[in-house]
Protein backbone atom coordinates (compact mmCIF):
# COMPACT_ATOMS: atom_id res chain seq x y z
CA MET A 1 0.00 0.00 0.00
CA MET A 2 1.32 3.42 -0.91
CA SER A 3 2.16 5.64 2.06
CA GLN A 4 0.65 9.04 2.72
CA VAL A 5 4.08 10.61 2.26
CA LYS A 6 4.48 9.07 -1.20
CA ILE A 7 1.04 10.28 -2.26
CA GLU A 8 1.87 13.78 -1.02
CA GLU A 9 5.12 13.68 -3.01
CA ASN A 10 3.36 12.46 -6.13
CA VAL A 11 0.63 15.10 -5.93
CA ALA A 12 3.32 17.78 -5.59
CA LEU A 13 5.22 16.35 -8.58
CA VAL A 14 2.08 16.25 -10.72
CA ARG A 15 1.19 19.83 -9.81
CA ASN A 16 4.75 20.87 -10.68
CA ARG A 17 4.44 19.16 -14.08
CA ILE A 18 1.11 20.89 -14.66
CA GLU A 19 2.65 24.27 -13.79
CA LYS A 20 5.59 23.75 -16.15
CA ALA A 21 3.37 22.55 -18.99
CA ALA A 22 1.00 25.50 -18.58
CA ARG A 23 3.71 28.14 -18.34
CA ALA A 24 5.53 26.68 -21.36
CA VAL A 25 2.58 27.72 -23.54
CA GLY A 26 1.84 31.00 -21.76
CA ARG A 27 -1.02 29.71 -19.62
CA SER A 28 -1.62 30.02 -15.91
CA PRO A 29 -1.55 26.71 -13.98
CA ASP A 30 -4.59 28.01 -12.10
CA GLU A 31 -6.58 27.36 -15.30
CA ILE A 32 -5.99 23.59 -14.99
CA THR A 33 -8.21 21.40 -12.80
CA LEU A 34 -6.48 18.25 -11.56
CA VAL A 35 -8.83 15.28 -11.24
CA ALA A 36 -7.38 12.34 -9.30
CA ALA A 37 -8.48 9.17 -11.12
CA THR A 38 -9.12 6.87 -8.18
CA LYS A 39 -10.04 3.61 -9.93
CA THR A 40 -8.98 0.48 -7.95
CA ASN A 41 -7.58 2.58 -5.09
CA SER A 42 -8.97 2.06 -1.61
CA SER A 43 -11.06 4.57 0.27
CA HIS A 44 -8.09 5.06 2.59
CA LEU A 45 -5.80 6.05 -0.30
CA VAL A 46 -8.44 8.35 -1.77
CA ALA A 47 -8.77 10.06 1.61
CA GLU A 48 -4.98 10.40 1.82
CA ALA A 49 -4.91 12.03 -1.62
CA ILE A 50 -7.53 14.54 -0.49
CA LYS A 51 -5.41 15.29 2.58
CA ALA A 52 -2.51 15.88 0.17
CA GLY A 53 -4.47 18.61 -1.58
CA ILE A 54 -6.57 16.80 -4.19
CA SER A 55 -9.86 18.67 -4.55
CA VAL A 56 -11.51 16.61 -7.32
CA CYS A 57 -11.80 12.81 -7.50
CA GLY A 58 -12.83 10.93 -10.63
CA GLU A 59 -14.18 7.39 -10.49
CA ASN A 60 -14.50 5.01 -13.47
CA ARG A 61 -16.84 2.37 -12.12
CA VAL A 62 -20.30 2.92 -10.69
CA GLN A 63 -20.14 0.11 -8.14
CA GLU A 64 -16.76 1.29 -6.88
CA LEU A 65 -17.99 4.87 -6.63
CA VAL A 66 -21.08 3.87 -4.66
CA GLU A 67 -19.06 1.71 -2.27
CA LYS A 68 -16.39 4.33 -1.61
CA ASN A 69 -18.96 7.09 -1.28
CA THR A 70 -20.76 5.06 1.38
CA GLN A 71 -17.44 4.79 3.19
CA GLY A 72 -16.97 8.57 3.07
CA ALA A 73 -13.89 8.36 0.85
CA TYR A 74 -14.58 11.55 -1.10
CA ILE A 75 -15.34 13.87 1.82
CA GLY A 76 -13.60 17.17 1.19
CA ALA A 77 -13.49 16.82 -2.61
CA SER A 78 -15.79 17.16 -5.59
CA LEU A 79 -16.79 13.88 -7.20
CA HIS A 80 -16.75 13.22 -10.94
CA PHE A 81 -17.67 10.08 -12.88
CA ILE A 82 -15.17 9.55 -15.70
CA GLY A 83 -15.88 6.01 -16.96
CA HIS A 84 -18.30 4.45 -19.41
CA LEU A 85 -21.85 4.81 -18.10
CA GLN A 86 -24.76 2.52 -18.93
CA LYS A 87 -28.27 3.93 -18.82
CA ASN A 88 -29.35 1.45 -16.15
CA LYS A 89 -26.74 2.89 -13.76
CA VAL A 90 -27.82 6.53 -14.14
CA LYS A 91 -29.95 6.47 -10.98
CA GLN A 92 -26.88 5.69 -8.89
CA LEU A 93 -24.95 8.75 -10.09
CA VAL A 94 -27.34 11.62 -10.71
CA GLY A 95 -27.41 13.94 -7.72
CA VAL A 96 -24.37 12.16 -6.26
CA CYS A 97 -21.69 13.28 -8.73
CA ASP A 98 -20.85 16.93 -9.23
CA LEU A 99 -19.98 16.19 -12.85
CA ILE A 100 -20.58 13.20 -15.14
CA GLN A 101 -17.80 13.51 -17.70
CA SER A 102 -18.62 10.62 -20.01
CA VAL A 103 -21.98 11.22 -21.69
CA ASP A 104 -21.62 9.39 -24.97
CA SER A 105 -25.09 9.36 -26.52
CA LEU A 106 -28.26 11.40 -26.78
CA GLU A 107 -30.16 8.56 -25.09
CA LEU A 108 -27.85 8.71 -22.07
CA LEU A 109 -28.19 12.49 -21.87
CA GLU A 110 -31.99 12.14 -21.89
CA ALA A 111 -31.86 9.45 -19.19
CA ILE A 112 -29.74 11.71 -16.98
CA ASP A 113 -32.13 14.60 -17.57
CA SER A 114 -35.13 12.43 -16.66
CA ARG A 115 -33.54 11.24 -13.42
CA ALA A 116 -32.39 14.72 -12.45
CA LYS A 117 -35.86 16.11 -13.11
CA ALA A 118 -37.39 13.44 -10.86
CA LEU A 119 -35.01 14.50 -8.09
CA GLY A 120 -35.63 18.20 -8.62
CA ARG A 121 -31.96 18.63 -9.49
CA ARG A 122 -29.87 19.81 -12.42
CA GLN A 123 -26.96 17.56 -13.34
CA ASP A 124 -23.74 18.90 -14.84
CA VAL A 125 -22.23 16.76 -17.60
CA LEU A 126 -19.54 16.71 -20.27
CA ILE A 127 -20.01 15.20 -23.71
CA GLU A 128 -17.43 12.53 -24.52
CA ILE A 129 -16.04 12.70 -28.06
CA ASN A 130 -14.52 9.65 -29.77
CA ILE A 131 -11.84 11.85 -31.29
CA GLY A 132 -9.76 8.94 -32.60
CA GLY A 133 -12.72 7.32 -34.37
CA GLU A 134 -12.11 3.99 -32.63
CA ALA A 135 -14.88 1.42 -32.95
CA SER A 136 -13.95 -0.08 -29.57
CA LYS A 137 -14.07 3.21 -27.65
CA SER A 138 -17.07 5.06 -26.27
CA GLY A 139 -17.89 8.64 -27.18
CA ILE A 140 -19.85 10.29 -29.96
CA ASP A 141 -18.48 11.16 -33.37
CA LYS A 142 -17.72 14.85 -33.51
CA SER A 143 -20.27 15.23 -36.32
CA GLU A 144 -23.03 14.36 -33.81
CA LEU A 145 -22.15 17.09 -31.34
CA THR A 146 -24.32 19.85 -32.79
CA LYS A 147 -27.39 17.62 -32.65
CA ILE A 148 -26.79 16.85 -28.97
CA LEU A 149 -26.15 20.48 -28.03
CA GLU A 150 -29.32 21.55 -29.82
CA LYS A 151 -31.27 18.82 -28.05
CA ALA A 152 -29.90 19.97 -24.69
CA GLU A 153 -31.74 23.29 -25.14
CA ASN A 154 -34.96 21.38 -24.44
CA LEU A 155 -33.62 19.40 -21.48
CA SER A 156 -34.08 21.57 -18.43
CA SER A 157 -32.41 19.27 -15.88
CA VAL A 158 -29.00 18.76 -17.48
CA PHE A 159 -26.33 21.36 -18.03
CA ILE A 160 -23.54 20.63 -20.49
CA ARG A 161 -20.31 22.10 -19.14
CA GLY A 162 -17.92 21.09 -21.93
CA LEU A 163 -16.22 18.19 -23.67
CA MET A 164 -14.12 15.16 -22.74
CA ALA A 165 -11.92 12.85 -24.81
CA ILE A 166 -9.43 9.99 -24.60
CA PRO A 167 -6.99 9.65 -27.53
CA PRO A 168 -6.14 6.22 -28.98
CA ILE A 169 -4.11 4.17 -26.49
CA SER A 170 -1.72 2.96 -29.18
CA GLY A 171 -1.24 6.41 -30.69
CA SER A 172 2.17 8.04 -30.88
CA GLU A 173 2.89 11.34 -29.16
CA SER A 174 2.36 13.22 -32.43
CA GLU A 175 -0.91 11.39 -33.10
CA ASN A 176 -2.14 12.20 -29.61
CA ARG A 177 -1.18 15.84 -30.00
CA ALA A 178 -3.16 15.90 -33.25
CA CYS A 179 -6.19 14.42 -31.45
CA PHE A 180 -5.89 16.98 -28.67
CA ALA A 181 -5.61 19.78 -31.23
CA ARG A 182 -8.79 18.61 -32.97
CA MET A 183 -10.57 18.55 -29.64
CA ARG A 184 -9.39 22.08 -28.87
CA GLN A 185 -10.77 23.34 -32.17
CA LEU A 186 -14.08 21.56 -31.58
CA PHE A 187 -14.23 23.14 -28.13
CA ILE A 188 -13.45 26.61 -29.49
CA ASP A 189 -15.95 26.32 -32.34
CA ASN A 190 -18.77 25.32 -30.00
CA SER A 191 -17.80 27.87 -27.34
CA ALA A 192 -18.66 30.53 -29.91
CA LYS A 193 -22.19 29.19 -30.30
CA LYS A 194 -24.99 30.06 -27.90
CA TYR A 195 -27.20 27.24 -26.65
CA ASP A 196 -29.47 27.13 -23.63
CA ASN A 197 -28.23 24.68 -20.97
CA VAL A 198 -24.75 24.64 -22.52
CA SER A 199 -21.62 26.43 -21.33
CA MET A 200 -18.24 25.35 -22.70
CA ASP A 201 -16.30 25.65 -19.45
CA PHE A 202 -14.25 22.45 -19.40
CA LEU A 203 -12.10 20.63 -21.94
CA SER A 204 -11.19 17.41 -20.13
CA MET A 205 -8.34 15.54 -21.78
CA GLY A 206 -4.97 14.20 -20.73
CA MET A 207 -3.99 11.41 -18.34
CA SER A 208 -0.81 10.38 -16.52
CA GLY A 209 1.18 9.66 -19.66
CA ASP A 210 0.13 12.59 -21.81
CA PHE A 211 -1.36 15.41 -19.74
CA GLU A 212 1.46 17.83 -20.56
CA ASP A 213 0.68 17.45 -24.27
CA ALA A 214 -3.02 17.90 -23.54
CA ILE A 215 -2.34 21.11 -21.61
CA ALA A 216 -0.19 22.39 -24.47
CA GLU A 217 -3.19 21.84 -26.76
CA GLY A 218 -5.72 23.60 -24.52
CA SER A 219 -6.95 21.13 -21.92
CA ASN A 220 -8.10 22.74 -18.69
CA MET A 221 -8.97 19.51 -16.87
CA VAL A 222 -6.64 16.50 -16.61
CA ARG A 223 -7.46 13.06 -15.17
CA VAL A 224 -4.40 11.60 -13.43
CA GLY A 225 -4.30 8.22 -11.70
CA SER A 226 -1.06 6.24 -11.74
CA ALA A 227 1.16 9.32 -11.46
CA ILE A 228 -0.51 9.95 -8.09
CA PHE A 229 -1.28 6.48 -6.77
CA GLY A 230 1.27 4.33 -8.57
CA VAL A 231 0.63 1.55 -11.09
CA ARG A 232 -2.86 0.12 -10.65
CA VAL A 233 -3.19 -3.37 -9.22
CA TYR A 234 -6.34 -5.04 -10.51
CA PRO A 235 -8.06 -7.74 -8.44
CA PRO A 236 -7.94 -11.23 -10.02
CA LYS A 237 -10.93 -12.23 -12.09
CA ALA A 238 -13.21 -14.86 -10.65
CA ASP A 239 -13.11 -18.30 -12.31
């Protein structure tokens, strides 16, 4: 198990990398929100990360989020959902998460709106873009974005706060930079448009291995796991 001291050191190192990456392109590091990706890490380690200054936690799995939330793991931090979300799990997240980053279909957006309306809440979300065009990856094609943003004008209980993307895992640094650049342009283009229930505040892209490149290309929210908590150890699969 990673010690509190090591987590504190890692958080400081990540923040230093964020600062250098931002200043290298003339940006303020204050523009960048660091989301600690807490997948597979215990409630104890999540709490230690929050003590070390983490103010936003991002969870990939609904069951894990629910369990850790029951244990009070996220107290003192905002909670984001950053993994693939099925419509039948929406009830477990709406009104619990401050931001659902991975809305990847109009049907999912409508399901979130319906649940939020039933709770008398408004749920903040990001639209996930499949910027690499991978058949195996979630996210909408960028050509579908306008339709979803227009639809959101009629959904009073969701508020789209921006865009999220994950570049191809096997992509080279230059390919990833190109994906990030396309996302930045998509973000800029849609920031100039005016839709009800839409405000392009966040461009969430960049993880432990590539967040400096993402920041260079305009990201203002990075999702960092292993650089904070160490290499993930996955539980063995049941026979």
